[in-house]
Amino acid sequence: ITDRDLSEDLLELGNVCRTHVISYENENIYKEFISLKGRFDESDTTENFDVLDKIKNIIDSFNRYSLKDNEIHFISVFADYGAGKTTLLKRIYYEYCKKYVEEKSQLIPVYFELKLYHKFKDINLFISNSLQSQFLKNIPLSLFWKELERGKFILLLDGFDEMALQVNSEIRLKNFMELSSMFTSESISIITCR
């Protein structure tokens, strides 16, 4: 039995991803999507790029090689309010659901709406609720953490700046440390923030 077969048996990922692909392709944003443009500054050069393409290239290279060959597995996207951070993550979720259905990727996209975090007592309750609403079934947290460590996920963490109702530097640090167990794993993590 392969990892994919096990995922299908336990999580029915193919059905979840297929349903999402069909739903997304029927939304206006599917046809009207315009990717963010980004800028990467290094000491001597400035590189302008399409953010979606750059992130997909990083994920796809991660998908082909082990983490030892590709050290980038945490990506942060900073942009102003209304710039399209959530739209970008939803597009990435769609793209990798589609790749999963087409068997072009074994990586499983998981979307976390961080603005809901403050409603839960701890990270595990938040994760459980997010998984339940996304996969429409209870997924054992032990399975999630195991697969996270094995590098099976693309974690889409949307809205770090919205994790708490009132924010200061101490709360931001506490929230970052709480999430760090997710993005210090072998899985790719993409987090958005203002």
N, C-alpha and C. Protein backbone atom coordinates (compact mmCIF):
# COMPACT_ATOMS: atom_id res chain seq x y z
N ILE A 1 0.86 -1.19 0.00
CA ILE A 1 0.00 0.00 0.00
C ILE A 1 0.90 1.24 0.00
N THR A 2 0.59 2.19 -0.86
CA THR A 2 1.39 3.42 -0.97
C THR A 2 0.87 4.47 -0.01
N ASP A 3 1.67 5.52 0.21
CA ASP A 3 1.22 6.66 1.02
C ASP A 3 -0.05 7.26 0.45
N ARG A 4 -0.11 7.36 -0.87
CA ARG A 4 -1.28 7.93 -1.52
C ARG A 4 -2.52 7.07 -1.26
N ASP A 5 -2.37 5.75 -1.35
CA ASP A 5 -3.49 4.85 -1.07
C ASP A 5 -3.98 5.01 0.36
N LEU A 6 -3.03 5.12 1.29
CA LEU A 6 -3.39 5.30 2.69
C LEU A 6 -4.12 6.62 2.90
N SER A 7 -3.61 7.69 2.27
CA SER A 7 -4.26 9.00 2.36
C SER A 7 -5.68 8.93 1.81
N GLU A 8 -5.84 8.23 0.71
CA GLU A 8 -7.18 8.10 0.11
C GLU A 8 -8.11 7.34 1.03
N ASP A 9 -7.62 6.26 1.62
CA ASP A 9 -8.46 5.46 2.50
C ASP A 9 -8.87 6.23 3.75
N LEU A 10 -7.91 6.91 4.37
CA LEU A 10 -8.19 7.61 5.62
C LEU A 10 -8.88 8.95 5.44
N LEU A 11 -8.42 9.71 4.48
CA LEU A 11 -8.86 11.10 4.37
C LEU A 11 -9.75 11.39 3.16
N GLU A 12 -9.78 10.47 2.21
CA GLU A 12 -10.50 10.69 0.96
C GLU A 12 -10.07 12.00 0.31
N LEU A 13 -8.76 12.21 0.26
CA LEU A 13 -8.20 13.46 -0.24
C LEU A 13 -8.57 13.73 -1.69
N GLY A 14 -8.60 12.70 -2.49
CA GLY A 14 -8.97 12.88 -3.89
C GLY A 14 -10.33 13.53 -4.02
N ASN A 15 -11.31 13.05 -3.24
CA ASN A 15 -12.66 13.63 -3.28
C ASN A 15 -12.68 15.07 -2.78
N VAL A 16 -11.96 15.31 -1.68
CA VAL A 16 -11.91 16.67 -1.12
C VAL A 16 -11.29 17.62 -2.13
N CYS A 17 -10.16 17.21 -2.72
CA CYS A 17 -9.47 18.07 -3.70
C CYS A 17 -10.30 18.25 -4.97
N ARG A 18 -10.90 17.18 -5.45
CA ARG A 18 -11.74 17.27 -6.66
C ARG A 18 -12.89 18.25 -6.44
N THR A 19 -13.55 18.14 -5.30
CA THR A 19 -14.67 19.03 -4.97
C THR A 19 -14.20 20.48 -4.93
N HIS A 20 -13.04 20.71 -4.32
CA HIS A 20 -12.52 22.08 -4.24
C HIS A 20 -12.18 22.63 -5.63
N VAL A 21 -11.56 21.82 -6.46
CA VAL A 21 -11.19 22.26 -7.81
C VAL A 21 -12.44 22.68 -8.58
N ILE A 22 -13.46 21.86 -8.56
CA ILE A 22 -14.71 22.17 -9.27
C ILE A 22 -15.34 23.44 -8.72
N SER A 23 -15.39 23.55 -7.40
CA SER A 23 -15.98 24.74 -6.77
C SER A 23 -15.21 26.00 -7.14
N TYR A 24 -13.88 25.96 -7.03
CA TYR A 24 -13.05 27.13 -7.32
C TYR A 24 -13.18 27.55 -8.78
N GLU A 25 -13.22 26.57 -9.68
CA GLU A 25 -13.31 26.90 -11.11
C GLU A 25 -14.65 27.53 -11.48
N ASN A 26 -15.64 27.43 -10.60
CA ASN A 26 -16.94 28.06 -10.82
C ASN A 26 -17.05 29.43 -10.17
N GLU A 27 -16.01 29.86 -9.46
CA GLU A 27 -16.01 31.18 -8.83
C GLU A 27 -15.45 32.22 -9.81
N ASN A 28 -15.90 33.45 -9.65
CA ASN A 28 -15.42 34.54 -10.50
C ASN A 28 -13.90 34.72 -10.40
N ILE A 29 -13.36 34.53 -9.19
CA ILE A 29 -11.93 34.78 -8.98
C ILE A 29 -11.07 33.85 -9.83
N TYR A 30 -11.59 32.68 -10.18
CA TYR A 30 -10.83 31.75 -11.01
C TYR A 30 -10.49 32.40 -12.35
N LYS A 31 -11.48 33.05 -12.96
CA LYS A 31 -11.26 33.68 -14.27
C LYS A 31 -10.58 35.04 -14.16
N GLU A 32 -10.79 35.72 -13.04
CA GLU A 32 -10.31 37.09 -12.89
C GLU A 32 -9.02 37.21 -12.10
N PHE A 33 -8.45 36.10 -11.68
CA PHE A 33 -7.26 36.11 -10.82
C PHE A 33 -6.09 36.84 -11.48
N ILE A 34 -5.51 37.75 -10.73
CA ILE A 34 -4.28 38.45 -11.15
C ILE A 34 -3.28 38.25 -10.01
N SER A 35 -2.15 37.66 -10.32
CA SER A 35 -1.16 37.36 -9.29
C SER A 35 -0.48 38.62 -8.77
N LEU A 36 -0.07 38.56 -7.51
CA LEU A 36 0.72 39.63 -6.93
C LEU A 36 2.07 39.72 -7.63
N LYS A 37 2.61 40.89 -7.69
CA LYS A 37 3.98 41.08 -8.16
C LYS A 37 4.82 41.33 -6.91
N GLY A 38 6.00 40.75 -6.89
CA GLY A 38 6.85 40.88 -5.72
C GLY A 38 8.22 41.39 -6.08
N ARG A 39 8.97 41.71 -5.04
CA ARG A 39 10.33 42.17 -5.24
C ARG A 39 11.21 41.49 -4.20
N PHE A 40 12.30 40.96 -4.67
CA PHE A 40 13.26 40.32 -3.80
C PHE A 40 14.52 41.15 -3.84
N ASP A 41 14.91 41.68 -2.71
CA ASP A 41 16.10 42.54 -2.67
C ASP A 41 17.28 41.78 -2.07
N GLU A 42 18.38 41.80 -2.78
CA GLU A 42 19.65 41.30 -2.27
C GLU A 42 20.61 42.47 -2.33
N SER A 43 21.77 42.31 -1.80
CA SER A 43 22.70 43.42 -1.69
C SER A 43 23.01 44.11 -3.02
N ASP A 44 23.20 43.34 -4.09
CA ASP A 44 23.60 43.94 -5.36
C ASP A 44 22.50 43.98 -6.41
N THR A 45 21.47 43.16 -6.26
CA THR A 45 20.47 43.04 -7.32
C THR A 45 19.06 43.18 -6.75
N THR A 46 18.17 43.57 -7.61
CA THR A 46 16.75 43.59 -7.28
C THR A 46 16.05 42.76 -8.33
N GLU A 47 15.28 41.79 -7.88
CA GLU A 47 14.56 40.91 -8.80
C GLU A 47 13.06 41.11 -8.60
N ASN A 48 12.36 41.47 -9.67
CA ASN A 48 10.91 41.56 -9.63
C ASN A 48 10.35 40.26 -10.19
N PHE A 49 9.24 39.77 -9.62
CA PHE A 49 8.72 38.48 -10.06
C PHE A 49 7.22 38.36 -9.79
N ASP A 50 6.62 37.39 -10.43
CA ASP A 50 5.24 37.00 -10.19
C ASP A 50 5.26 36.10 -8.95
N VAL A 51 4.55 36.52 -7.91
CA VAL A 51 4.61 35.82 -6.62
C VAL A 51 4.09 34.38 -6.73
N LEU A 52 2.98 34.18 -7.42
CA LEU A 52 2.43 32.83 -7.55
C LEU A 52 3.42 31.90 -8.26
N ASP A 53 3.99 32.36 -9.36
CA ASP A 53 4.96 31.54 -10.09
C ASP A 53 6.18 31.22 -9.24
N LYS A 54 6.68 32.20 -8.51
CA LYS A 54 7.86 32.00 -7.67
C LYS A 54 7.58 30.97 -6.58
N ILE A 55 6.43 31.09 -5.93
CA ILE A 55 6.07 30.14 -4.87
C ILE A 55 5.88 28.74 -5.44
N LYS A 56 5.21 28.64 -6.59
CA LYS A 56 5.01 27.33 -7.21
C LYS A 56 6.36 26.70 -7.58
N ASN A 57 7.29 27.49 -8.07
CA ASN A 57 8.62 26.97 -8.40
C ASN A 57 9.33 26.42 -7.16
N ILE A 58 9.21 27.15 -6.06
CA ILE A 58 9.83 26.70 -4.81
C ILE A 58 9.18 25.40 -4.35
N ILE A 59 7.85 25.35 -4.36
CA ILE A 59 7.13 24.15 -3.92
C ILE A 59 7.46 22.98 -4.83
N ASP A 60 7.47 23.20 -6.13
CA ASP A 60 7.74 22.10 -7.06
C ASP A 60 9.17 21.58 -6.92
N SER A 61 10.12 22.45 -6.64
CA SER A 61 11.48 21.96 -6.44
C SER A 61 11.56 21.20 -5.12
N PHE A 62 10.81 21.63 -4.13
CA PHE A 62 10.73 20.91 -2.86
C PHE A 62 10.11 19.54 -3.07
N ASN A 63 9.13 19.48 -3.94
CA ASN A 63 8.43 18.23 -4.23
C ASN A 63 9.37 17.23 -4.92
N ARG A 64 10.35 17.70 -5.66
CA ARG A 64 11.25 16.83 -6.41
C ARG A 64 12.47 16.39 -5.59
N TYR A 65 12.88 17.20 -4.64
CA TYR A 65 14.11 16.92 -3.91
C TYR A 65 13.83 16.84 -2.42
N SER A 66 14.76 16.26 -1.70
CA SER A 66 14.61 16.22 -0.25
C SER A 66 14.95 17.59 0.32
N LEU A 67 14.57 17.80 1.55
CA LEU A 67 14.83 19.08 2.21
C LEU A 67 16.33 19.38 2.26
N LYS A 68 17.15 18.37 2.31
CA LYS A 68 18.61 18.58 2.35
C LYS A 68 19.10 19.29 1.08
N ASP A 69 18.42 19.03 -0.04
CA ASP A 69 18.81 19.66 -1.30
C ASP A 69 18.14 21.01 -1.50
N ASN A 70 17.08 21.26 -0.79
CA ASN A 70 16.33 22.50 -0.95
C ASN A 70 15.95 23.01 0.43
N GLU A 71 16.66 23.99 0.90
CA GLU A 71 16.48 24.44 2.27
C GLU A 71 15.26 25.33 2.48
N ILE A 72 14.68 25.86 1.42
CA ILE A 72 13.53 26.75 1.57
C ILE A 72 12.28 25.93 1.82
N HIS A 73 11.74 26.05 3.01
CA HIS A 73 10.46 25.40 3.29
C HIS A 73 9.54 26.31 4.11
N PHE A 74 9.96 27.54 4.33
CA PHE A 74 9.13 28.53 5.00
C PHE A 74 9.14 29.79 4.15
N ILE A 75 7.96 30.21 3.74
CA ILE A 75 7.83 31.39 2.88
C ILE A 75 6.88 32.36 3.59
N SER A 76 7.28 33.60 3.67
CA SER A 76 6.38 34.62 4.22
C SER A 76 6.05 35.62 3.11
N VAL A 77 4.78 35.99 3.07
CA VAL A 77 4.30 36.95 2.09
C VAL A 77 3.76 38.15 2.87
N PHE A 78 4.41 39.29 2.71
CA PHE A 78 3.98 40.52 3.36
C PHE A 78 3.40 41.45 2.30
N ALA A 79 2.22 41.97 2.59
CA ALA A 79 1.60 42.92 1.66
C ALA A 79 0.55 43.72 2.44
N ASP A 80 0.19 44.86 1.88
CA ASP A 80 -0.81 45.72 2.51
C ASP A 80 -2.19 45.09 2.49
N TYR A 81 -3.08 45.66 3.28
CA TYR A 81 -4.48 45.26 3.31
C TYR A 81 -5.07 45.34 1.90
N GLY A 82 -5.75 44.29 1.49
CA GLY A 82 -6.42 44.30 0.19
C GLY A 82 -5.53 44.00 -1.00
N ALA A 83 -4.27 43.67 -0.75
CA ALA A 83 -3.34 43.43 -1.86
C ALA A 83 -3.56 42.08 -2.55
N GLY A 84 -4.22 41.15 -1.86
CA GLY A 84 -4.50 39.86 -2.47
C GLY A 84 -3.80 38.67 -1.83
N LYS A 85 -3.41 38.79 -0.56
CA LYS A 85 -2.72 37.70 0.12
C LYS A 85 -3.61 36.47 0.26
N THR A 86 -4.83 36.67 0.71
CA THR A 86 -5.78 35.56 0.86
C THR A 86 -6.11 34.96 -0.50
N THR A 87 -6.33 35.79 -1.48
CA THR A 87 -6.61 35.32 -2.84
C THR A 87 -5.44 34.48 -3.36
N LEU A 88 -4.22 34.91 -3.09
CA LEU A 88 -3.03 34.17 -3.49
C LEU A 88 -3.01 32.78 -2.85
N LEU A 89 -3.25 32.71 -1.53
CA LEU A 89 -3.22 31.42 -0.85
C LEU A 89 -4.34 30.50 -1.34
N LYS A 90 -5.50 31.08 -1.60
CA LYS A 90 -6.59 30.26 -2.12
C LYS A 90 -6.28 29.73 -3.51
N ARG A 91 -5.55 30.51 -4.30
CA ARG A 91 -5.13 30.05 -5.62
C ARG A 91 -4.10 28.93 -5.50
N ILE A 92 -3.17 29.07 -4.58
CA ILE A 92 -2.18 28.01 -4.34
C ILE A 92 -2.90 26.74 -3.88
N TYR A 93 -3.87 26.89 -2.99
CA TYR A 93 -4.65 25.74 -2.52
C TYR A 93 -5.32 25.05 -3.71
N TYR A 94 -5.93 25.83 -4.59
CA TYR A 94 -6.56 25.28 -5.79
C TYR A 94 -5.53 24.56 -6.67
N GLU A 95 -4.41 25.24 -6.95
CA GLU A 95 -3.40 24.68 -7.85
C GLU A 95 -2.88 23.33 -7.35
N TYR A 96 -2.66 23.22 -6.04
CA TYR A 96 -2.09 21.99 -5.51
C TYR A 96 -3.16 20.93 -5.24
N CYS A 97 -4.41 21.31 -5.06
CA CYS A 97 -5.50 20.32 -5.07
C CYS A 97 -5.59 19.71 -6.47
N LYS A 98 -5.51 20.57 -7.47
CA LYS A 98 -5.58 20.08 -8.85
C LYS A 98 -4.41 19.15 -9.17
N LYS A 99 -3.20 19.54 -8.75
CA LYS A 99 -2.03 18.69 -8.98
C LYS A 99 -2.17 17.36 -8.25
N TYR A 100 -2.76 17.40 -7.05
CA TYR A 100 -2.95 16.16 -6.30
C TYR A 100 -3.93 15.24 -7.03
N VAL A 101 -5.04 15.80 -7.51
CA VAL A 101 -6.03 15.01 -8.24
C VAL A 101 -5.42 14.42 -9.51
N GLU A 102 -4.61 15.21 -10.20
CA GLU A 102 -3.98 14.75 -11.45
C GLU A 102 -2.75 13.88 -11.20
N GLU A 103 -2.45 13.61 -9.93
CA GLU A 103 -1.30 12.81 -9.51
C GLU A 103 0.02 13.39 -10.00
N LYS A 104 0.08 14.73 -10.04
CA LYS A 104 1.32 15.43 -10.39
C LYS A 104 2.08 15.87 -9.16
N SER A 105 1.45 15.71 -7.99
CA SER A 105 2.08 16.07 -6.72
C SER A 105 1.49 15.19 -5.62
N GLN A 106 2.33 14.80 -4.69
CA GLN A 106 1.88 14.06 -3.52
C GLN A 106 1.64 15.00 -2.33
N LEU A 107 2.03 16.27 -2.49
CA LEU A 107 1.87 17.23 -1.41
C LEU A 107 0.39 17.58 -1.25
N ILE A 108 -0.03 17.66 0.00
CA ILE A 108 -1.42 17.92 0.32
C ILE A 108 -1.54 19.35 0.85
N PRO A 109 -2.29 20.22 0.14
CA PRO A 109 -2.45 21.59 0.64
C PRO A 109 -3.45 21.62 1.80
N VAL A 110 -3.10 22.37 2.83
CA VAL A 110 -3.98 22.54 3.99
C VAL A 110 -4.04 24.03 4.29
N TYR A 111 -5.26 24.57 4.29
CA TYR A 111 -5.48 26.01 4.47
C TYR A 111 -5.89 26.30 5.91
N PHE A 112 -5.22 27.24 6.56
CA PHE A 112 -5.54 27.65 7.92
C PHE A 112 -5.88 29.14 7.93
N GLU A 113 -7.06 29.46 8.38
CA GLU A 113 -7.51 30.85 8.49
C GLU A 113 -7.16 31.35 9.89
N LEU A 114 -6.01 32.01 10.01
CA LEU A 114 -5.46 32.37 11.32
C LEU A 114 -6.32 33.37 12.08
N LYS A 115 -7.20 34.10 11.40
CA LYS A 115 -8.06 35.05 12.12
C LYS A 115 -9.04 34.32 13.05
N LEU A 116 -9.21 33.01 12.88
CA LEU A 116 -10.07 32.22 13.76
C LEU A 116 -9.31 31.66 14.97
N TYR A 117 -8.02 31.81 14.98
CA TYR A 117 -7.17 31.22 16.02
C TYR A 117 -7.59 31.63 17.43
N HIS A 118 -7.93 32.88 17.63
CA HIS A 118 -8.24 33.39 18.97
C HIS A 118 -9.47 32.72 19.59
N LYS A 119 -10.25 32.00 18.81
CA LYS A 119 -11.46 31.32 19.31
C LYS A 119 -11.14 29.99 20.00
N PHE A 120 -9.88 29.56 19.93
CA PHE A 120 -9.50 28.25 20.45
C PHE A 120 -8.47 28.40 21.56
N LYS A 121 -8.47 27.42 22.47
CA LYS A 121 -7.58 27.49 23.63
C LYS A 121 -6.12 27.22 23.29
N ASP A 122 -5.88 26.42 22.27
CA ASP A 122 -4.50 26.10 21.91
C ASP A 122 -4.40 25.71 20.44
N ILE A 123 -3.18 25.52 20.00
CA ILE A 123 -2.90 25.23 18.60
C ILE A 123 -3.55 23.93 18.14
N ASN A 124 -3.58 22.91 19.01
CA ASN A 124 -4.16 21.63 18.61
C ASN A 124 -5.67 21.73 18.37
N LEU A 125 -6.37 22.47 19.18
CA LEU A 125 -7.81 22.67 18.96
C LEU A 125 -8.06 23.44 17.66
N PHE A 126 -7.22 24.44 17.41
CA PHE A 126 -7.34 25.21 16.18
C PHE A 126 -7.09 24.32 14.96
N ILE A 127 -6.04 23.51 15.02
CA ILE A 127 -5.72 22.62 13.91
C ILE A 127 -6.84 21.61 13.70
N SER A 128 -7.33 21.01 14.78
CA SER A 128 -8.42 20.03 14.67
C SER A 128 -9.64 20.62 13.99
N ASN A 129 -10.01 21.82 14.42
CA ASN A 129 -11.17 22.49 13.83
C ASN A 129 -10.95 22.81 12.36
N SER A 130 -9.76 23.29 12.03
CA SER A 130 -9.44 23.63 10.64
C SER A 130 -9.47 22.39 9.75
N LEU A 131 -8.91 21.30 10.23
CA LEU A 131 -8.90 20.06 9.46
C LEU A 131 -10.32 19.52 9.29
N GLN A 132 -11.10 19.58 10.36
CA GLN A 132 -12.49 19.10 10.31
C GLN A 132 -13.29 19.87 9.26
N SER A 133 -13.15 21.18 9.25
CA SER A 133 -13.93 21.97 8.29
C SER A 133 -13.42 21.79 6.86
N GLN A 134 -12.14 21.53 6.69
CA GLN A 134 -11.59 21.37 5.35
C GLN A 134 -11.82 19.97 4.79
N PHE A 135 -11.62 18.94 5.60
CA PHE A 135 -11.71 17.56 5.12
C PHE A 135 -13.04 16.89 5.47
N LEU A 136 -13.90 17.61 6.20
CA LEU A 136 -15.24 17.13 6.55
C LEU A 136 -15.23 15.83 7.34
N LYS A 137 -14.18 15.63 8.12
CA LYS A 137 -14.11 14.48 9.02
C LYS A 137 -13.06 14.76 10.08
N ASN A 138 -13.17 14.03 11.18
CA ASN A 138 -12.17 14.17 12.24
C ASN A 138 -10.89 13.45 11.82
N ILE A 139 -9.82 14.19 11.82
CA ILE A 139 -8.51 13.62 11.49
C ILE A 139 -7.70 13.60 12.79
N PRO A 140 -7.21 12.44 13.16
CA PRO A 140 -6.42 12.37 14.40
C PRO A 140 -5.23 13.33 14.34
N LEU A 141 -5.06 14.10 15.40
CA LEU A 141 -3.94 15.04 15.44
C LEU A 141 -2.61 14.31 15.33
N SER A 142 -2.52 13.12 15.89
CA SER A 142 -1.27 12.36 15.79
C SER A 142 -0.92 12.08 14.33
N LEU A 143 -1.92 11.81 13.50
CA LEU A 143 -1.69 11.59 12.07
C LEU A 143 -1.23 12.89 11.39
N PHE A 144 -1.90 13.99 11.74
CA PHE A 144 -1.51 15.29 11.17
C PHE A 144 -0.04 15.60 11.50
N TRP A 145 0.35 15.50 12.78
CA TRP A 145 1.71 15.85 13.18
C TRP A 145 2.73 14.90 12.54
N LYS A 146 2.39 13.63 12.42
CA LYS A 146 3.30 12.66 11.80
C LYS A 146 3.52 13.00 10.32
N GLU A 147 2.43 13.25 9.61
CA GLU A 147 2.53 13.57 8.18
C GLU A 147 3.18 14.94 7.97
N LEU A 148 2.96 15.86 8.88
CA LEU A 148 3.61 17.17 8.82
C LEU A 148 5.13 16.99 8.90
N GLU A 149 5.58 16.18 9.83
CA GLU A 149 7.01 15.92 9.99
C GLU A 149 7.59 15.19 8.79
N ARG A 150 6.79 14.40 8.11
CA ARG A 150 7.27 13.66 6.94
C ARG A 150 7.30 14.54 5.69
N GLY A 151 6.83 15.80 5.81
CA GLY A 151 6.89 16.71 4.67
C GLY A 151 5.77 16.51 3.66
N LYS A 152 4.63 16.03 4.11
CA LYS A 152 3.53 15.69 3.20
C LYS A 152 2.60 16.87 2.89
N PHE A 153 2.74 17.98 3.61
CA PHE A 153 1.79 19.08 3.46
C PHE A 153 2.40 20.34 2.87
N ILE A 154 1.53 21.14 2.31
CA ILE A 154 1.80 22.55 2.03
C ILE A 154 0.86 23.29 2.97
N LEU A 155 1.39 23.91 4.00
CA LEU A 155 0.57 24.64 4.96
C LEU A 155 0.38 26.07 4.48
N LEU A 156 -0.85 26.46 4.34
CA LEU A 156 -1.20 27.81 3.90
C LEU A 156 -1.78 28.53 5.10
N LEU A 157 -0.97 29.36 5.73
CA LEU A 157 -1.32 30.03 6.99
C LEU A 157 -1.68 31.48 6.67
N ASP A 158 -2.96 31.76 6.65
CA ASP A 158 -3.44 33.05 6.16
C ASP A 158 -3.77 34.02 7.29
N GLY A 159 -3.06 35.15 7.32
CA GLY A 159 -3.41 36.25 8.21
C GLY A 159 -2.76 36.22 9.57
N PHE A 160 -1.44 36.10 9.62
CA PHE A 160 -0.74 36.10 10.91
C PHE A 160 -1.10 37.33 11.74
N ASP A 161 -1.24 38.47 11.09
CA ASP A 161 -1.55 39.71 11.79
C ASP A 161 -2.96 39.71 12.38
N GLU A 162 -3.79 38.74 12.03
CA GLU A 162 -5.18 38.67 12.51
C GLU A 162 -5.39 37.59 13.58
N MET A 163 -4.31 36.99 14.09
CA MET A 163 -4.45 35.89 15.05
C MET A 163 -5.07 36.31 16.37
N ALA A 164 -4.87 37.53 16.77
CA ALA A 164 -5.42 38.02 18.05
C ALA A 164 -6.24 39.26 17.80
N LEU A 165 -7.20 39.50 18.68
CA LEU A 165 -8.05 40.69 18.54
C LEU A 165 -7.26 41.97 18.81
N GLN A 166 -6.40 41.94 19.82
CA GLN A 166 -5.53 43.06 20.15
C GLN A 166 -4.10 42.55 20.05
N VAL A 167 -3.25 43.29 19.35
CA VAL A 167 -1.90 42.79 19.09
C VAL A 167 -0.85 43.77 19.58
N ASN A 168 0.17 43.23 20.22
CA ASN A 168 1.38 43.97 20.54
C ASN A 168 2.55 43.03 20.29
N SER A 169 3.76 43.49 20.50
CA SER A 169 4.93 42.66 20.16
C SER A 169 4.98 41.38 20.98
N GLU A 170 4.54 41.43 22.22
CA GLU A 170 4.54 40.23 23.07
C GLU A 170 3.56 39.17 22.55
N ILE A 171 2.38 39.60 22.15
CA ILE A 171 1.37 38.68 21.61
C ILE A 171 1.83 38.12 20.26
N ARG A 172 2.42 38.97 19.43
CA ARG A 172 2.94 38.49 18.13
C ARG A 172 3.99 37.41 18.33
N LEU A 173 4.91 37.63 19.27
CA LEU A 173 5.95 36.63 19.54
C LEU A 173 5.33 35.33 20.05
N LYS A 174 4.37 35.44 20.97
CA LYS A 174 3.70 34.25 21.50
C LYS A 174 3.00 33.48 20.37
N ASN A 175 2.30 34.19 19.50
CA ASN A 175 1.62 33.54 18.38
C ASN A 175 2.61 32.89 17.42
N PHE A 176 3.69 33.59 17.14
CA PHE A 176 4.71 33.04 16.24
C PHE A 176 5.30 31.76 16.82
N MET A 177 5.61 31.79 18.09
CA MET A 177 6.17 30.60 18.75
C MET A 177 5.16 29.45 18.74
N GLU A 178 3.90 29.76 18.93
CA GLU A 178 2.85 28.73 18.90
C GLU A 178 2.79 28.07 17.52
N LEU A 179 2.90 28.86 16.46
CA LEU A 179 2.86 28.33 15.10
C LEU A 179 4.17 27.65 14.69
N SER A 180 5.25 27.99 15.34
CA SER A 180 6.56 27.51 14.91
C SER A 180 6.65 26.00 14.84
N SER A 181 5.88 25.30 15.64
CA SER A 181 5.91 23.83 15.58
C SER A 181 5.39 23.34 14.22
N MET A 182 4.60 24.16 13.56
CA MET A 182 4.09 23.80 12.24
C MET A 182 5.13 24.10 11.16
N PHE A 183 5.71 25.28 11.19
CA PHE A 183 6.59 25.64 10.08
C PHE A 183 8.06 25.32 10.30
N THR A 184 8.38 24.64 11.37
CA THR A 184 9.74 24.11 11.51
C THR A 184 9.77 22.63 11.19
N SER A 185 8.71 22.14 10.60
CA SER A 185 8.62 20.74 10.20
C SER A 185 9.25 20.56 8.82
N GLU A 186 9.14 19.37 8.28
CA GLU A 186 9.65 19.08 6.95
C GLU A 186 8.70 19.55 5.85
N SER A 187 7.49 19.95 6.21
CA SER A 187 6.51 20.41 5.23
C SER A 187 6.77 21.87 4.87
N ILE A 188 6.30 22.26 3.70
CA ILE A 188 6.40 23.66 3.27
C ILE A 188 5.32 24.46 3.97
N SER A 189 5.65 25.64 4.45
CA SER A 189 4.70 26.54 5.08
C SER A 189 4.76 27.89 4.39
N ILE A 190 3.58 28.45 4.12
CA ILE A 190 3.50 29.78 3.54
C ILE A 190 2.59 30.58 4.47
N ILE A 191 3.09 31.68 4.98
CA ILE A 191 2.34 32.50 5.91
C ILE A 191 2.19 33.90 5.33
N THR A 192 1.00 34.47 5.50
CA THR A 192 0.77 35.84 5.02
C THR A 192 0.60 36.77 6.22
N CYS A 193 0.98 38.02 6.01
CA CYS A 193 0.91 39.02 7.06
C CYS A 193 0.94 40.42 6.46
N ARG A 194 0.32 41.36 7.15
CA ARG A 194 0.43 42.76 6.74
C ARG A 194 1.69 43.35 7.31
